[in-house]
Amino acid sequence: MNPEERNTDVDSKVVLLPQKRLGKQMHHLPLKQTSSCNITTIASEESDECVISDESSQTDESSICETEYRNSVYLDYNATTPLDCEVLAAINQALHVAWGNPSSSHEAGINAKTVIKESRDQVATMIGASAEEIIFTSGGTESNNLVLNSAIKHFWNSYAKKTSEGMITNDSVRPHIVSSSLEHDSIKLVLEHFRQQKIADITFVSPSLETGRVEVKDVISAMKPSTCLVTVMLANNETGIIQPIAEIGASMSMKNKERAESGELVAYFHTDAAQAIGKITVNSETLGVDYLTLVGHKFYGPRIGALYVKKLDKENGAALYPMFYGGGQERNFRPGTENTGMIAGLGKACELVTRNIKRYEKHMRTVRDHLEKQLELTFPNGVHFNGRLTGSERIPNTCNVSILGKGLEGHKVLSRAQKVQASVGAACHSSTVSRASPILLAIGIPEEVAKNAIRLSVGRHSTLQEVETVVKDIKTSVNLILSSSATC
């Protein structure tokens, strides 16, 4: 779409129409991709079954998947995104047609199983993997915890085997995990818990102050003979800085060959790709990872996730151990009756990314760059872009900016703004708005600058006009704060 304005001409309503029994073959109806759409359920005297249809002439009683905030502009897409209309349609279709238990062998169960299989294929295609390497989870937090706990269990299983073979004799050894000081709490807090409970030794690698990213040599040099896992996020959720995952993966591959030849444990490599997917091309093979976390609601999908596990359940594949036990779903790696509707939505969201990623990336970069240019023009020598560092790249939608000046803390500016919906950092840290972000401090941003940070993250349908509105709104807020402080 043209970044200057929303294309309202393509808006459509997605209607649930009664239909006769589908039988064992699912009917996947074509639907337009739009910036907003309506979902309507049409009752039937003949049948209580429904199907998705694109009918713009139907009733106005509907719910819109991306709410039009007419008096405000949403620029917090790193926190969450609305459901794409095609995703919402896929969810509704699955809920109405594939509602059976996927473990059942009758028609209703087979319909559900078919939807899940198709969705698994769509997830795998998006990241260049095979369907057998994909496990559905409740979200990023579960996926990350699953990897971390699997690494610990694998260490002890491998350690016991090597001890019995006489290859290891050190009884005081503990598993060791290498990570960065830039990670999401679903990695960081788990690792801190492991350290506190003496479950594992942990090394947090600090980023370079010049690039804002961890350097490959620092990660590799942090590895020990007892290292069982290296986990580094693909793109930071606050700054947008992309980490050198492919380079780390290549170096780890060589390191693991040396370790295997000397009888040491092979270390696995994991990346949390939650903030990268849907913004840049992500390929598991190119990255050289053993595990990859993806999260639906970060790229216009539902609030569930998936985990890529390299060569899962094969002799030379990455290890995965269940965190809980039950009915054997997901090949016993993640038991629990599958959430078919949300899985269908995740699959559709992945299909959209596969189809449109270059267009999404170009559009978001255009809008983000225009936003930053307008901020520089509006506040000459008065802004600092906290993720725009020499030697590193950012995902195309993220602008972390500080308005320079005493009393211009990010949370104060946003609280007085009338139109922009944004945040000062990670959404899960919204209750600690008065302190500087540890992420910004870690990459060398001075505390007085970091406290003023605002994270503005644009989306697929953000426009040049909207970001200009946001800049004016921020300017008005800053003026209010400065005038208020001048009269005190």
Protein backbone atom coordinates (compact mmCIF):
# COMPACT_ATOMS: atom_id res chain seq x y z
CA MET A 1 0.00 0.00 0.00
CA ASN A 2 0.99 3.66 -0.42
CA PRO A 3 2.56 4.73 2.89
CA GLU A 4 0.95 8.16 2.55
CA GLU A 5 -2.59 6.98 3.28
CA ARG A 6 -4.73 3.98 4.14
CA ASN A 7 -6.44 2.30 1.22
CA THR A 8 -10.02 2.21 2.42
CA ASP A 9 -11.31 1.16 -0.98
CA VAL A 10 -10.31 -2.45 -0.37
CA ASP A 11 -12.06 -2.79 2.98
CA SER A 12 -14.46 -5.71 3.01
CA LYS A 13 -16.72 -7.65 5.30
CA VAL A 14 -16.05 -11.28 6.00
CA VAL A 15 -19.36 -13.02 6.56
CA LEU A 16 -20.12 -16.40 8.07
CA LEU A 17 -22.75 -17.98 5.85
CA PRO A 18 -24.64 -21.20 6.49
CA GLN A 19 -23.42 -24.13 4.45
CA LYS A 20 -24.10 -27.82 4.20
CA ARG A 21 -21.71 -30.35 5.73
CA LEU A 22 -18.24 -30.05 4.25
CA GLY A 23 -17.36 -33.71 4.54
CA LYS A 24 -13.77 -34.73 4.95
CA GLN A 25 -12.36 -32.15 2.53
CA MET A 26 -12.01 -28.64 3.94
CA HIS A 27 -13.08 -25.80 1.66
CA HIS A 28 -10.61 -22.90 1.88
CA LEU A 29 -12.30 -19.89 0.36
CA PRO A 30 -10.30 -16.95 -1.09
CA LEU A 31 -10.40 -13.80 1.00
CA LYS A 32 -9.04 -10.34 0.37
CA GLN A 33 -6.30 -8.91 2.56
CA THR A 34 -7.44 -5.61 3.99
CA SER A 35 -6.55 -3.08 6.62
CA SER A 36 -9.87 -3.55 8.38
CA CYS A 37 -12.68 -6.03 7.94
CA ASN A 38 -15.98 -7.10 9.39
CA ILE A 39 -16.99 -10.52 10.67
CA THR A 40 -20.70 -11.27 10.59
CA THR A 41 -22.54 -14.46 11.48
CA ILE A 42 -25.68 -15.14 9.44
CA ALA A 43 -28.19 -17.40 11.11
CA SER A 44 -29.84 -20.22 9.18
CA GLU A 45 -33.10 -22.05 9.64
CA GLU A 46 -31.84 -25.01 7.60
CA SER A 47 -28.39 -25.49 9.12
CA ASP A 48 -26.36 -24.35 12.11
CA GLU A 49 -23.07 -24.74 10.24
CA CYS A 50 -21.21 -21.74 8.84
CA VAL A 51 -18.49 -20.87 6.36
CA ILE A 52 -16.45 -17.75 5.71
CA SER A 53 -17.49 -15.68 2.72
CA ASP A 54 -16.50 -12.27 1.37
CA GLU A 55 -19.74 -10.32 1.15
CA SER A 56 -19.56 -6.55 1.45
CA SER A 57 -23.30 -6.13 1.02
CA GLN A 58 -24.29 -7.91 4.22
CA THR A 59 -25.40 -6.50 7.57
CA ASP A 60 -23.47 -3.70 9.29
CA GLU A 61 -23.58 -5.54 12.64
CA SER A 62 -19.96 -6.57 12.82
CA SER A 63 -16.69 -6.46 14.68
CA ILE A 64 -13.57 -4.97 13.10
CA CYS A 65 -10.25 -6.76 13.40
CA GLU A 66 -8.14 -3.59 13.43
CA THR A 67 -10.00 -0.91 15.34
CA GLU A 68 -9.78 2.50 13.77
CA TYR A 69 -8.77 4.82 16.61
CA ARG A 70 -10.02 7.95 14.90
CA ASN A 71 -8.61 10.34 17.50
CA SER A 72 -5.30 8.58 18.02
CA VAL A 73 -2.47 6.80 16.24
CA TYR A 74 -1.26 3.40 17.38
CA LEU A 75 2.54 3.06 17.17
CA ASP A 76 3.15 0.19 19.57
CA TYR A 77 3.34 -2.69 17.10
CA ASN A 78 6.34 -4.21 18.89
CA ALA A 79 4.07 -4.78 21.89
CA THR A 80 1.32 -6.45 19.88
CA THR A 81 -0.46 -6.29 16.54
CA PRO A 82 -4.13 -6.63 15.57
CA LEU A 83 -5.30 -9.72 13.72
CA ASP A 84 -4.96 -9.46 9.97
CA CYS A 85 -8.36 -9.89 8.33
CA GLU A 86 -7.32 -13.09 6.58
CA VAL A 87 -6.08 -14.42 9.91
CA LEU A 88 -9.38 -13.60 11.59
CA ALA A 89 -11.24 -15.30 8.74
CA ALA A 90 -9.07 -18.41 9.06
CA ILE A 91 -9.72 -18.57 12.80
CA ASN A 92 -13.47 -18.23 12.33
CA GLN A 93 -13.52 -20.83 9.59
CA ALA A 94 -11.64 -23.31 11.77
CA LEU A 95 -13.85 -22.65 14.79
CA HIS A 96 -16.99 -23.24 12.74
CA VAL A 97 -15.85 -26.13 10.58
CA ALA A 98 -12.88 -27.77 12.31
CA TRP A 99 -14.10 -27.73 15.91
CA GLY A 100 -13.57 -31.46 16.49
CA ASN A 101 -10.89 -32.98 18.69
CA PRO A 102 -7.85 -33.53 16.42
CA SER A 103 -7.11 -36.80 18.20
CA SER A 104 -10.47 -38.27 17.16
CA SER A 105 -10.60 -40.55 14.13
CA HIS A 106 -14.04 -39.50 12.92
CA GLU A 107 -14.87 -36.76 10.43
CA ALA A 108 -14.88 -33.85 12.87
CA GLY A 109 -11.49 -34.87 14.24
CA ILE A 110 -10.02 -35.38 10.79
CA ASN A 111 -11.15 -31.89 9.76
CA ALA A 112 -9.33 -30.41 12.75
CA LYS A 113 -6.23 -32.51 12.12
CA THR A 114 -6.21 -31.33 8.50
CA VAL A 115 -6.23 -27.69 9.57
CA ILE A 116 -3.37 -28.26 12.01
CA LYS A 117 -1.30 -30.06 9.40
CA GLU A 118 -1.77 -27.27 6.91
CA SER A 119 -0.87 -24.66 9.51
CA ARG A 120 2.26 -26.55 10.50
CA ASP A 121 3.30 -26.57 6.85
CA GLN A 122 2.71 -22.81 6.63
CA VAL A 123 4.86 -22.11 9.71
CA ALA A 124 7.65 -24.32 8.41
CA THR A 125 7.61 -22.75 4.96
CA MET A 126 7.92 -19.26 6.40
CA ILE A 127 11.21 -20.05 8.18
CA GLY A 128 12.64 -22.55 5.69
CA ALA A 129 12.10 -25.60 7.88
CA SER A 130 10.26 -28.91 7.55
CA ALA A 131 6.87 -29.46 9.13
CA GLU A 132 8.26 -32.17 11.43
CA GLU A 133 10.48 -29.53 13.06
CA ILE A 134 7.57 -27.37 14.26
CA ILE A 135 5.88 -27.67 17.68
CA PHE A 136 2.90 -25.46 18.57
CA THR A 137 2.98 -23.76 21.98
CA SER A 138 0.98 -21.19 23.92
CA GLY A 139 3.46 -18.43 23.06
CA GLY A 140 7.00 -17.15 23.27
CA THR A 141 7.38 -17.56 27.02
CA GLU A 142 6.52 -21.26 26.88
CA SER A 143 8.73 -21.85 23.85
CA ASN A 144 11.70 -20.17 25.51
CA ASN A 145 11.20 -22.05 28.78
CA LEU A 146 10.87 -25.30 26.85
CA VAL A 147 14.26 -24.73 25.21
CA LEU A 148 16.04 -23.72 28.40
CA ASN A 149 14.74 -26.66 30.41
CA SER A 150 15.47 -29.06 27.56
CA ALA A 151 19.07 -27.88 27.44
CA ILE A 152 19.52 -28.64 31.15
CA LYS A 153 17.98 -32.10 30.84
CA HIS A 154 20.03 -32.88 27.75
CA PHE A 155 23.20 -31.85 29.55
CA TRP A 156 22.61 -34.28 32.39
CA ASN A 157 21.59 -37.10 30.05
CA SER A 158 24.71 -36.56 27.94
CA TYR A 159 26.86 -36.06 31.03
CA ALA A 160 25.70 -39.34 32.53
CA LYS A 161 26.45 -41.16 29.29
CA LYS A 162 29.93 -39.68 28.95
CA THR A 163 30.67 -40.33 32.63
CA SER A 164 29.76 -43.99 32.22
CA GLU A 165 32.07 -44.15 29.22
CA GLY A 166 34.88 -42.64 31.25
CA MET A 167 35.04 -39.44 29.17
CA ILE A 168 34.11 -37.12 32.07
CA THR A 169 35.29 -37.51 35.65
CA ASN A 170 34.55 -34.06 37.18
CA ASP A 171 31.72 -34.59 39.69
CA SER A 172 31.40 -30.87 40.55
CA VAL A 173 30.46 -29.74 37.04
CA ARG A 174 27.18 -27.92 36.33
CA PRO A 175 25.54 -27.13 33.00
CA HIS A 176 26.52 -23.74 31.60
CA ILE A 177 24.42 -21.44 29.40
CA VAL A 178 25.62 -18.41 27.46
CA SER A 179 23.21 -15.57 26.71
CA SER A 180 23.24 -11.80 26.24
CA SER A 181 22.29 -8.94 28.55
CA LEU A 182 19.71 -7.83 25.97
CA GLU A 183 17.24 -10.71 26.30
CA HIS A 184 13.51 -10.70 26.97
CA ASP A 185 12.50 -11.61 30.51
CA SER A 186 11.26 -15.02 29.38
CA ILE A 187 14.94 -15.83 28.85
CA LYS A 188 16.66 -13.55 31.34
CA LEU A 189 14.56 -14.36 34.41
CA VAL A 190 14.68 -18.10 33.79
CA LEU A 191 18.47 -17.97 33.59
CA GLU A 192 18.68 -15.85 36.73
CA HIS A 193 16.50 -18.45 38.46
CA PHE A 194 18.82 -21.25 37.27
CA ARG A 195 21.80 -19.35 38.68
CA GLN A 196 20.12 -18.56 41.99
CA GLN A 197 19.01 -22.16 42.50
CA LYS A 198 22.42 -23.46 41.35
CA ILE A 199 20.74 -25.34 38.52
CA ALA A 200 23.21 -23.94 36.00
CA ASP A 201 26.07 -21.50 35.61
CA ILE A 202 25.14 -18.51 33.47
CA THR A 203 27.19 -16.04 31.46
CA PHE A 204 25.48 -12.90 30.18
CA VAL A 205 27.56 -11.40 27.37
CA SER A 206 27.50 -7.60 27.24
CA PRO A 207 26.87 -5.86 23.92
CA SER A 208 29.37 -3.67 22.14
CA LEU A 209 28.93 0.01 23.02
CA GLU A 210 29.73 0.87 19.40
CA THR A 211 27.19 -1.39 17.69
CA GLY A 212 24.63 -2.15 20.40
CA ARG A 213 24.83 -5.83 19.59
CA VAL A 214 26.75 -8.74 21.07
CA GLU A 215 29.91 -9.59 19.16
CA VAL A 216 30.50 -13.10 17.85
CA LYS A 217 33.95 -13.42 19.39
CA ASP A 218 32.61 -12.51 22.83
CA VAL A 219 29.89 -15.16 22.63
CA ILE A 220 32.25 -17.90 21.48
CA SER A 221 34.92 -17.01 24.05
CA ALA A 222 32.29 -17.25 26.81
CA MET A 223 31.70 -20.93 26.05
CA LYS A 224 33.10 -23.55 28.42
CA PRO A 225 33.39 -27.35 28.19
CA SER A 226 30.15 -27.52 30.19
CA THR A 227 28.25 -25.11 27.92
CA CYS A 228 25.06 -26.82 26.77
CA LEU A 229 23.25 -23.87 25.19
CA VAL A 230 23.83 -20.45 23.67
CA THR A 231 20.69 -18.28 23.41
CA VAL A 232 20.68 -14.84 21.77
CA MET A 233 17.63 -12.99 20.47
CA LEU A 234 17.42 -12.19 16.77
CA ALA A 235 16.20 -8.59 17.14
CA ASN A 236 15.86 -6.52 20.28
CA ASN A 237 12.32 -5.50 21.15
CA GLU A 238 13.28 -2.02 22.41
CA THR A 239 15.99 -0.82 20.04
CA GLY A 240 15.26 -3.03 17.03
CA ILE A 241 18.96 -3.85 16.70
CA ILE A 242 19.54 -7.12 14.84
CA GLN A 243 21.99 -9.51 16.48
CA PRO A 244 24.60 -11.44 14.40
CA ILE A 245 22.82 -14.78 14.70
CA ALA A 246 24.01 -16.30 11.42
CA GLU A 247 27.62 -15.42 12.26
CA ILE A 248 27.30 -16.89 15.76
CA GLY A 249 25.71 -20.00 14.27
CA ALA A 250 28.58 -20.49 11.81
CA SER A 251 31.19 -20.04 14.55
CA MET A 252 29.35 -22.41 16.87
CA SER A 253 29.22 -25.05 14.16
CA MET A 254 33.01 -25.02 13.90
CA LYS A 255 33.38 -24.91 17.68
CA ASN A 256 31.06 -27.90 18.09
CA LYS A 257 33.11 -29.95 15.64
CA GLU A 258 36.18 -29.35 17.79
CA ARG A 259 34.25 -30.17 20.95
CA ALA A 260 32.90 -33.42 19.50
CA GLU A 261 36.36 -34.51 18.39
CA SER A 262 37.74 -33.92 21.89
CA GLY A 263 34.85 -35.73 23.59
CA GLU A 264 33.21 -32.57 24.96
CA LEU A 265 29.49 -31.93 24.97
CA VAL A 266 28.00 -30.30 21.89
CA ALA A 267 26.28 -26.99 22.66
CA TYR A 268 22.92 -26.11 21.13
CA PHE A 269 22.04 -22.68 19.70
CA HIS A 270 18.70 -20.91 20.20
CA THR A 271 17.34 -17.59 19.01
CA ASP A 272 14.15 -15.83 20.09
CA ALA A 273 12.90 -14.42 16.78
CA ALA A 274 9.69 -12.91 18.18
CA GLN A 275 10.45 -9.33 17.11
CA ALA A 276 12.03 -10.17 13.77
CA ILE A 277 9.40 -12.34 12.07
CA GLY A 278 7.05 -10.36 9.87
CA LYS A 279 9.60 -7.52 9.58
CA ILE A 280 12.61 -9.19 7.95
CA THR A 281 13.18 -12.51 6.23
CA VAL A 282 13.95 -15.24 8.79
CA ASN A 283 15.38 -18.58 7.67
CA SER A 284 16.28 -21.21 10.26
CA GLU A 285 18.86 -22.92 8.05
CA THR A 286 20.62 -19.67 7.10
CA LEU A 287 20.78 -18.65 10.76
CA GLY A 288 22.31 -21.99 11.74
CA VAL A 289 20.16 -22.39 14.86
CA ASP A 290 18.95 -25.52 16.62
CA TYR A 291 15.89 -23.80 18.10
CA LEU A 292 13.87 -20.75 17.03
CA THR A 293 10.99 -19.12 18.89
CA LEU A 294 8.16 -17.40 17.02
CA VAL A 295 5.17 -15.54 18.45
CA GLY A 296 1.95 -15.02 16.50
CA HIS A 297 0.72 -11.76 17.97
CA LYS A 298 3.91 -9.94 16.92
CA PHE A 299 3.05 -10.38 13.23
CA TYR A 300 -0.74 -9.97 13.01
CA GLY A 301 -1.51 -13.48 14.23
CA PRO A 302 -3.20 -14.85 17.37
CA ARG A 303 -1.60 -15.03 20.81
CA ILE A 304 -0.03 -18.44 20.48
CA GLY A 305 3.43 -19.45 19.33
CA ALA A 306 5.55 -22.17 17.84
CA LEU A 307 9.00 -23.59 18.34
CA TYR A 308 11.36 -24.74 15.61
CA VAL A 309 13.57 -27.67 16.68
CA LYS A 310 16.22 -28.77 14.19
CA LYS A 311 15.77 -32.39 13.05
CA LEU A 312 13.35 -32.99 15.91
CA ASP A 313 13.03 -36.59 17.07
CA LYS A 314 15.91 -37.74 14.85
CA GLU A 315 19.14 -39.31 16.03
CA ASN A 316 21.29 -36.26 15.26
CA GLY A 317 18.59 -33.68 15.98
CA ALA A 318 18.33 -31.10 18.74
CA ALA A 319 16.96 -32.45 22.01
CA LEU A 320 13.52 -31.50 23.26
CA TYR A 321 12.00 -32.68 26.54
CA PRO A 322 8.38 -32.00 27.56
CA MET A 323 7.78 -29.74 30.52
CA PHE A 324 4.52 -31.50 31.36
CA TYR A 325 2.77 -34.70 30.41
CA GLY A 326 -0.67 -35.65 29.16
CA GLY A 327 -2.46 -37.00 26.11
CA GLY A 328 0.51 -37.22 23.77
CA GLN A 329 -0.33 -34.37 21.42
CA GLU A 330 2.49 -32.78 19.43
CA ARG A 331 4.27 -36.15 19.50
CA ASN A 332 4.41 -35.99 23.31
CA PHE A 333 6.67 -32.92 23.25
CA ARG A 334 3.84 -30.52 24.13
CA PRO A 335 0.75 -32.46 25.26
CA GLY A 336 -2.69 -30.90 25.55
CA THR A 337 -5.64 -30.77 23.16
CA GLU A 338 -4.65 -28.49 20.30
CA ASN A 339 -6.16 -25.01 19.98
CA THR A 340 -7.22 -25.57 16.38
CA GLY A 341 -8.70 -22.13 15.74
CA MET A 342 -5.64 -20.24 16.91
CA ILE A 343 -3.29 -22.66 15.14
CA ALA A 344 -5.21 -21.99 11.92
CA GLY A 345 -4.75 -18.27 12.49
CA LEU A 346 -1.04 -18.66 13.13
CA GLY A 347 -0.66 -20.65 9.93
CA LYS A 348 -2.44 -17.98 7.92
CA ALA A 349 -0.30 -15.24 9.50
CA CYS A 350 2.81 -17.16 8.45
CA GLU A 351 1.46 -17.62 4.93
CA LEU A 352 0.95 -13.85 4.66
CA VAL A 353 4.53 -13.20 5.76
CA THR A 354 5.88 -15.71 3.25
CA ARG A 355 3.90 -14.03 0.50
CA ASN A 356 4.45 -10.38 1.39
CA ILE A 357 7.56 -9.95 3.54
CA LYS A 358 9.46 -7.78 1.05
CA ARG A 359 6.49 -5.45 0.70
CA TYR A 360 5.93 -5.30 4.46
CA GLU A 361 9.60 -4.54 5.09
CA LYS A 362 9.80 -1.80 2.45
CA HIS A 363 6.62 -0.11 3.65
CA MET A 364 7.57 -0.10 7.33
CA ARG A 365 11.10 1.16 6.59
CA THR A 366 9.71 4.02 4.51
CA VAL A 367 7.32 5.09 7.26
CA ARG A 368 9.87 4.65 10.08
CA ASP A 369 12.55 6.63 8.23
CA HIS A 370 10.05 9.42 7.56
CA LEU A 371 9.14 9.44 11.25
CA GLU A 372 12.78 9.87 12.25
CA LYS A 373 13.32 12.61 9.67
CA GLN A 374 10.31 14.52 10.98
CA LEU A 375 11.55 14.19 14.56
CA GLU A 376 14.94 15.61 13.56
CA LEU A 377 13.30 18.53 11.76
CA THR A 378 10.92 19.23 14.64
CA PHE A 379 13.57 19.00 17.38
CA PRO A 380 16.83 20.27 15.80
CA ASN A 381 19.75 18.86 17.80
CA GLY A 382 17.18 17.84 20.39
CA VAL A 383 16.68 14.11 19.76
CA HIS A 384 18.82 11.03 20.24
CA PHE A 385 18.01 7.80 18.37
CA ASN A 386 18.96 5.05 20.79
CA GLY A 387 19.17 2.16 18.34
CA ARG A 388 20.71 3.92 15.36
CA LEU A 389 24.34 2.88 15.79
CA THR A 390 27.19 2.47 13.33
CA GLY A 391 27.98 -1.13 12.48
CA SER A 392 24.55 -2.58 13.21
CA GLU A 393 21.20 -2.89 11.47
CA ARG A 394 17.67 -2.51 12.82
CA ILE A 395 14.39 -4.15 12.00
CA PRO A 396 12.56 -1.72 9.70
CA ASN A 397 9.71 -0.63 11.96
CA THR A 398 11.40 0.41 15.20
CA CYS A 399 12.40 3.89 16.36
CA ASN A 400 13.66 4.31 19.93
CA VAL A 401 14.06 8.03 20.50
CA SER A 402 14.81 10.34 23.41
CA ILE A 403 13.70 13.98 23.40
CA LEU A 404 16.66 15.69 25.07
CA GLY A 405 16.07 17.96 28.03
CA LYS A 406 15.44 17.96 31.74
CA GLY A 407 11.97 16.81 32.75
CA LEU A 408 11.24 15.23 29.37
CA GLU A 409 11.15 11.64 30.59
CA GLY A 410 9.44 9.35 28.10
CA HIS A 411 6.53 8.47 30.34
CA LYS A 412 5.82 12.16 31.01
CA VAL A 413 5.81 13.01 27.31
CA LEU A 414 3.47 10.12 26.50
CA SER A 415 1.13 10.87 29.41
CA ARG A 416 0.53 14.38 28.04
CA ALA A 417 0.27 13.32 24.42
CA GLN A 418 -3.29 13.31 23.11
CA LYS A 419 -3.00 11.16 20.00
CA VAL A 420 -0.08 8.74 20.02
CA GLN A 421 -0.36 5.29 21.57
CA ALA A 422 3.20 4.13 22.27
CA SER A 423 5.41 2.93 25.10
CA VAL A 424 8.70 3.70 26.78
CA GLY A 425 10.02 0.18 26.22
CA ALA A 426 8.91 -3.42 26.63
CA ALA A 427 5.18 -3.68 27.37
CA CYS A 428 5.86 -6.05 30.26
CA HIS A 429 7.88 -3.29 31.97
CA SER A 430 5.16 -0.65 31.75
CA SER A 431 4.91 -0.45 35.56
CA THR A 432 8.54 0.68 35.85
CA VAL A 433 8.31 3.74 33.63
CA SER A 434 10.29 6.01 35.96
CA ARG A 435 13.59 4.16 35.58
CA ALA A 436 15.91 3.96 32.64
CA SER A 437 15.70 0.84 30.49
CA PRO A 438 18.41 -1.70 31.37
CA ILE A 439 18.65 -2.48 27.64
CA LEU A 440 19.51 1.11 26.77
CA LEU A 441 21.97 1.36 29.63
CA ALA A 442 23.61 -1.89 28.47
CA ILE A 443 24.34 -0.41 25.03
CA GLY A 444 25.92 2.70 26.55
CA ILE A 445 23.06 5.21 26.49
CA PRO A 446 23.58 7.72 29.36
CA GLU A 447 20.97 7.38 32.08
CA GLU A 448 19.59 10.91 31.63
CA VAL A 449 19.04 10.17 27.94
CA ALA A 450 17.70 6.66 28.49
CA LYS A 451 15.06 7.96 30.92
CA ASN A 452 13.64 10.10 28.14
CA ALA A 453 13.26 7.18 25.73
CA ILE A 454 10.07 6.53 23.76
CA ARG A 455 9.66 3.44 21.60
CA LEU A 456 7.70 4.13 18.44
CA SER A 457 7.07 1.04 16.33
CA VAL A 458 5.12 1.31 13.08
CA GLY A 459 2.99 -1.36 11.46
CA ARG A 460 1.96 -2.64 8.03
CA HIS A 461 -0.74 -0.02 7.64
CA SER A 462 0.94 2.96 9.32
CA THR A 463 1.05 6.02 7.05
CA LEU A 464 3.26 9.05 6.53
CA GLN A 465 0.35 11.25 7.56
CA GLU A 466 -0.05 9.33 10.81
CA VAL A 467 3.59 9.68 11.82
CA GLU A 468 3.47 13.40 11.06
CA THR A 469 0.45 13.60 13.38
CA VAL A 470 2.45 11.77 16.05
CA VAL A 471 5.44 14.12 15.76
CA LYS A 472 3.16 17.15 16.14
CA ASP A 473 1.51 15.49 19.13
CA ILE A 474 4.87 14.83 20.78
CA LYS A 475 5.93 18.43 20.11
CA THR A 476 2.76 19.73 21.76
CA SER A 477 3.34 17.47 24.76
CA VAL A 478 6.94 18.65 25.12
CA ASN A 479 5.84 22.28 24.93
CA LEU A 480 3.27 21.66 27.67
CA ILE A 481 5.91 20.14 29.93
CA LEU A 482 8.41 22.93 29.30
CA SER A 483 5.84 25.69 29.84
CA SER A 484 4.64 24.01 33.02
CA SER A 485 8.18 23.74 34.42
CA ALA A 486 8.90 27.39 33.46
CA THR A 487 6.02 28.67 35.61
CA CYS A 488 7.04 26.65 38.67
